[in-house]
N, C-alpha and C. Protein backbone atom coordinates (compact mmCIF):
# COMPACT_ATOMS: atom_id res chain seq x y z
N MET A 1 76.69 109.14 42.20
CA MET A 1 75.88 110.04 43.26
C MET A 1 75.81 111.84 41.85
N ASP A 2 75.24 111.99 42.36
CA ASP A 2 75.04 113.38 41.95
C ASP A 2 75.17 114.37 41.99
N LEU A 3 75.11 114.36 43.39
CA LEU A 3 75.13 115.75 44.36
C LEU A 3 75.89 115.11 45.53
N ILE A 4 76.54 116.16 45.95
CA ILE A 4 77.23 115.70 47.48
C ILE A 4 76.74 116.92 48.92
N CYS A 5 75.89 116.62 49.52
CA CYS A 5 74.92 117.51 50.21
C CYS A 5 75.60 117.17 51.86
N SER A 6 76.83 118.27 52.43
CA SER A 6 77.67 117.20 53.37
C SER A 6 77.12 118.29 55.04
N PRO A 7 76.90 118.43 56.07
CA PRO A 7 76.34 118.78 56.77
C PRO A 7 77.70 118.30 57.99
N CYS A 8 78.72 119.77 58.16
CA CYS A 8 80.23 119.69 58.68
C CYS A 8 80.42 120.57 59.91
N SER A 9 81.69 119.46 60.91
CA SER A 9 81.53 121.42 62.11
C SER A 9 83.25 121.35 62.69
N PHE A 10 83.57 121.94 60.75
CA PHE A 10 85.06 122.06 60.70
C PHE A 10 85.49 123.09 61.76
N GLY A 11 86.20 123.46 62.94
CA GLY A 11 87.10 124.30 63.00
C GLY A 11 88.25 124.94 62.72
N SER A 12 88.51 124.88 61.44
CA SER A 12 89.75 125.33 61.18
C SER A 12 89.79 126.26 60.04
N ASP A 13 90.88 126.76 59.08
CA ASP A 13 90.81 127.27 57.98
C ASP A 13 90.62 126.17 56.69
N MET A 14 91.21 125.71 57.40
CA MET A 14 91.04 123.66 55.92
C MET A 14 90.30 123.85 55.15
N THR A 15 88.49 124.62 55.59
CA THR A 15 87.88 123.87 54.86
C THR A 15 87.50 124.05 53.40
N PRO A 16 87.46 125.62 52.40
CA PRO A 16 87.85 125.18 50.90
C PRO A 16 88.72 124.29 50.81
N PHE A 17 90.32 124.39 51.50
CA PHE A 17 90.77 123.12 51.06
C PHE A 17 89.78 121.63 51.01
N ILE A 18 89.59 121.31 52.27
CA ILE A 18 88.61 119.97 52.60
C ILE A 18 87.63 120.10 51.12
N GLY A 19 86.92 121.19 50.85
CA GLY A 19 84.98 121.19 49.67
C GLY A 19 86.56 120.97 48.73
N LYS A 20 86.90 121.57 48.13
CA LYS A 20 87.82 121.39 46.60
C LYS A 20 88.27 119.80 46.69
N SER A 21 89.01 119.45 47.58
CA SER A 21 89.35 117.75 47.80
C SER A 21 88.19 116.76 47.31
N ARG A 22 87.52 117.03 47.87
CA ARG A 22 86.58 116.29 47.70
C ARG A 22 85.84 116.58 46.58
N ALA A 23 85.61 117.33 46.07
CA ALA A 23 84.71 117.62 44.45
C ALA A 23 85.33 116.95 43.59
N LEU A 24 86.82 117.60 43.81
CA LEU A 24 88.05 116.64 43.25
C LEU A 24 88.21 115.19 43.12
N GLU A 25 87.91 114.76 44.07
CA GLU A 25 88.54 113.59 44.50
C GLU A 25 87.13 112.18 43.88
N PHE A 26 85.75 112.69 43.88
CA PHE A 26 84.19 112.20 43.63
C PHE A 26 83.94 112.48 42.61
N SER A 27 84.48 113.65 41.87
CA SER A 27 84.43 114.47 39.86
C SER A 27 82.71 114.67 40.62
N THR A 28 82.12 115.25 41.37
CA THR A 28 80.74 115.54 41.93
C THR A 28 80.87 116.85 42.69
N PRO A 29 79.81 117.07 41.98
CA PRO A 29 79.54 119.15 42.71
C PRO A 29 79.23 118.68 43.63
N LEU A 30 79.77 119.08 45.11
CA LEU A 30 79.63 119.82 46.41
C LEU A 30 79.35 120.48 47.39
N VAL A 31 78.29 120.29 48.02
CA VAL A 31 77.65 121.18 48.98
C VAL A 31 77.79 120.69 50.72
N LEU A 32 78.59 121.99 51.04
CA LEU A 32 79.16 121.75 52.55
C LEU A 32 78.70 122.63 53.41
N CYS A 33 78.02 122.23 54.12
CA CYS A 33 77.07 122.95 55.19
C CYS A 33 77.87 122.83 56.46
N ASN A 34 78.71 124.42 56.50
CA ASN A 34 79.42 124.07 57.98
C ASN A 34 78.81 124.95 58.96
N ARG A 35 79.05 124.90 60.30
CA ARG A 35 78.75 125.10 61.57
C ARG A 35 79.62 126.22 61.79
N THR A 36 78.88 127.57 62.17
CA THR A 36 79.49 129.16 62.36
C THR A 36 79.16 129.46 64.12
N GLY A 37 80.15 129.45 64.43
CA GLY A 37 79.64 130.37 65.95
C GLY A 37 80.91 129.17 67.44
N THR A 38 80.10 130.19 68.25
CA THR A 38 81.15 129.18 69.24
C THR A 38 79.92 128.37 70.20
N GLU A 39 80.16 127.49 70.87
CA GLU A 39 79.68 126.54 72.03
C GLU A 39 80.73 126.17 72.75
N ILE A 40 80.02 125.66 73.91
CA ILE A 40 81.10 124.96 75.29
C ILE A 40 80.46 123.65 74.69
N TYR A 41 81.40 122.64 74.54
CA TYR A 41 82.05 121.64 74.41
C TYR A 41 82.66 120.91 75.60
N GLU A 42 82.09 120.38 76.58
CA GLU A 42 83.10 119.64 77.78
C GLU A 42 83.82 120.04 78.68
N ASN A 43 83.74 120.96 78.66
CA ASN A 43 83.86 122.77 79.63
C ASN A 43 84.88 123.76 78.88
N GLU A 44 84.78 123.19 77.44
CA GLU A 44 86.27 124.10 76.44
C GLU A 44 85.03 124.76 75.58
N MET A 45 85.54 126.30 75.47
CA MET A 45 84.70 126.70 74.01
C MET A 45 85.26 126.40 72.45
N VAL A 46 84.40 126.05 71.92
CA VAL A 46 84.90 125.34 70.87
C VAL A 46 84.28 126.98 69.98
N GLU A 47 84.87 126.99 68.58
CA GLU A 47 84.92 127.62 67.20
C GLU A 47 84.45 126.90 65.80
N PHE A 48 83.60 127.01 65.41
CA PHE A 48 82.97 126.77 64.11
C PHE A 48 83.30 128.21 63.09
N VAL A 49 84.56 127.86 61.81
CA VAL A 49 84.73 128.27 61.08
C VAL A 49 83.21 128.77 60.14
N GLY A 50 82.49 128.16 59.94
CA GLY A 50 81.80 128.83 58.72
C GLY A 50 82.11 128.48 57.61
N MET A 51 82.14 129.21 56.69
CA MET A 51 82.88 129.23 55.08
C MET A 51 82.11 127.55 54.17
N SER A 52 80.01 127.51 55.24
CA SER A 52 79.75 126.92 53.79
C SER A 52 80.27 127.20 52.60
N SER A 53 80.03 125.73 51.60
CA SER A 53 80.53 126.97 50.36
C SER A 53 79.57 125.36 48.83
N ILE A 54 79.85 125.80 47.86
CA ILE A 54 79.09 125.64 47.24
C ILE A 54 80.21 124.93 45.92
N TRP A 55 80.53 123.56 45.72
CA TRP A 55 81.84 123.37 44.96
C TRP A 55 81.05 122.79 43.38
N ASP A 56 81.81 122.82 42.06
CA ASP A 56 81.57 122.14 40.76
C ASP A 56 82.37 120.80 41.08
N ALA A 57 82.34 119.70 40.12
CA ALA A 57 82.61 119.18 40.18
C ALA A 57 84.23 118.92 39.84
N ASP A 58 84.49 119.74 38.76
CA ASP A 58 85.51 120.13 39.16
C ASP A 58 86.73 121.16 40.04
N GLY A 59 86.08 121.13 41.07
CA GLY A 59 86.31 121.33 42.29
C GLY A 59 86.49 123.72 42.11
N ASN A 60 85.46 123.74 41.29
CA ASN A 60 85.97 125.57 41.41
C ASN A 60 84.73 125.65 42.85
N VAL A 61 84.97 126.97 43.56
CA VAL A 61 83.53 127.17 44.60
C VAL A 61 83.03 127.86 43.77
N LEU A 62 81.66 128.30 43.61
CA LEU A 62 80.68 128.27 42.56
C LEU A 62 80.15 129.35 43.60
N ALA A 63 79.78 129.31 45.68
CA ALA A 63 79.54 130.08 46.17
C ALA A 63 80.17 130.05 46.96
N GLN A 64 80.02 131.31 48.61
CA GLN A 64 81.36 130.74 49.25
C GLN A 64 80.99 131.84 50.93
N ALA A 65 80.45 131.23 52.10
CA ALA A 65 80.19 132.15 52.40
C ALA A 65 81.13 132.43 53.30
N HIS A 66 81.34 133.38 54.38
CA HIS A 66 82.33 133.76 55.34
C HIS A 66 82.45 132.83 56.26
N SER A 67 81.97 133.48 57.80
CA SER A 67 81.60 132.91 59.40
C SER A 67 80.35 133.69 59.02
N GLU A 68 79.14 133.83 58.89
CA GLU A 68 78.37 134.18 59.32
C GLU A 68 76.95 133.26 58.32
N GLU A 69 76.38 133.27 59.20
CA GLU A 69 75.58 132.39 58.51
C GLU A 69 74.48 133.11 57.61
N VAL A 70 74.41 132.61 56.38
CA VAL A 70 73.90 132.97 55.26
C VAL A 70 73.84 131.69 54.08
N PHE A 71 72.58 132.58 53.30
CA PHE A 71 72.07 131.76 52.49
C PHE A 71 72.84 131.01 51.03
N LEU A 72 72.99 130.34 51.13
CA LEU A 72 74.05 130.42 49.54
C LEU A 72 72.79 130.12 48.38
N SER A 73 73.30 130.10 47.31
CA SER A 73 72.61 130.08 45.94
C SER A 73 73.69 129.03 45.35
N ALA A 74 73.97 128.27 43.92
CA ALA A 74 74.34 128.31 42.66
C ALA A 74 73.59 127.52 41.63
N GLU A 75 73.98 127.81 40.54
CA GLU A 75 73.87 127.29 39.60
C GLU A 75 74.54 125.94 39.42
N LEU A 76 74.50 125.13 38.71
CA LEU A 76 75.48 124.25 38.40
C LEU A 76 74.94 122.89 38.25
N LEU A 77 76.33 122.39 37.05
CA LEU A 77 75.52 121.51 36.63
C LEU A 77 75.99 120.22 36.36
N LEU A 78 74.92 118.98 37.26
CA LEU A 78 75.13 118.16 37.36
C LEU A 78 76.08 117.12 36.23
N PRO A 79 77.09 116.78 37.13
CA PRO A 79 78.08 115.40 35.71
C PRO A 79 77.16 114.34 35.12
N ASN A 80 77.17 114.23 33.48
CA ASN A 80 76.70 113.05 33.67
C ASN A 80 78.12 111.93 33.45
N LYS A 81 77.92 111.08 34.04
CA LYS A 81 78.52 110.22 34.33
C LYS A 81 78.91 108.72 34.82
N SER A 82 79.40 108.02 33.91
CA SER A 82 79.08 106.77 34.47
C SER A 82 80.19 105.67 35.15
N ALA A 83 81.40 106.59 35.83
CA ALA A 83 82.55 106.26 36.00
C ALA A 83 83.29 107.31 37.00
N LEU A 84 83.96 106.84 38.16
CA LEU A 84 85.42 108.04 38.67
C LEU A 84 86.54 108.16 37.34
N PRO A 85 87.19 109.43 37.79
CA PRO A 85 88.08 108.82 37.06
C PRO A 85 88.91 107.98 37.56
N PHE A 86 89.35 107.49 38.33
CA PHE A 86 90.20 106.05 38.81
C PHE A 86 89.48 105.40 38.85
N CYS A 87 88.78 105.30 38.71
CA CYS A 87 87.81 103.88 38.21
C CYS A 87 86.79 104.24 37.06
N GLN A 88 87.11 103.88 35.73
CA GLN A 88 86.69 103.87 34.18
C GLN A 88 85.40 102.81 34.77
N GLU A 89 85.77 101.70 34.27
CA GLU A 89 84.96 100.86 34.32
C GLU A 89 83.64 100.63 35.91
N LEU A 90 83.12 101.47 35.69
CA LEU A 90 82.61 101.66 37.61
C LEU A 90 81.60 100.23 37.36
N ALA A 91 80.32 100.58 36.31
CA ALA A 91 79.53 99.58 35.43
C ALA A 91 79.71 98.04 36.14
N ILE A 92 80.83 97.25 35.78
CA ILE A 92 82.07 96.63 35.72
C ILE A 92 82.05 95.72 37.26
N GLU A 93 83.20 97.25 37.36
CA GLU A 93 82.93 96.75 38.85
C GLU A 93 82.70 96.31 39.81
N MET A 94 81.14 96.87 39.43
CA MET A 94 80.07 97.41 40.02
C MET A 94 79.89 95.74 40.55
N ASN A 95 79.16 94.88 39.30
CA ASN A 95 79.13 93.90 39.17
C ASN A 95 79.85 92.45 39.40
N TRP A 96 81.43 92.54 40.00
CA TRP A 96 82.69 92.02 39.82
C TRP A 96 82.02 91.13 41.41
N ASN A 97 81.90 90.63 41.61
CA ASN A 97 81.98 89.13 43.19
C ASN A 97 83.36 89.01 43.22
């Protein structure tokens, strides 16, 4: 994959840590689109932190929102890779039965 776009419902301030971890884990740019605001779920108030963000393949944040709804954009380079760092022979392993 060249880019991961993920809708999210994170409710803690761990959102930046999660984004960086996933971008590094897959060595792939990541766009996290997180919910923001509050709503009632099963008779409880649930709060979503927002913090939507765009990460490059090296785990660097290129753009990040706070708790409000905003439009984010960033220019990023899509990596030209044939394998993940932990799986150098991806093409061979995909053909393995």
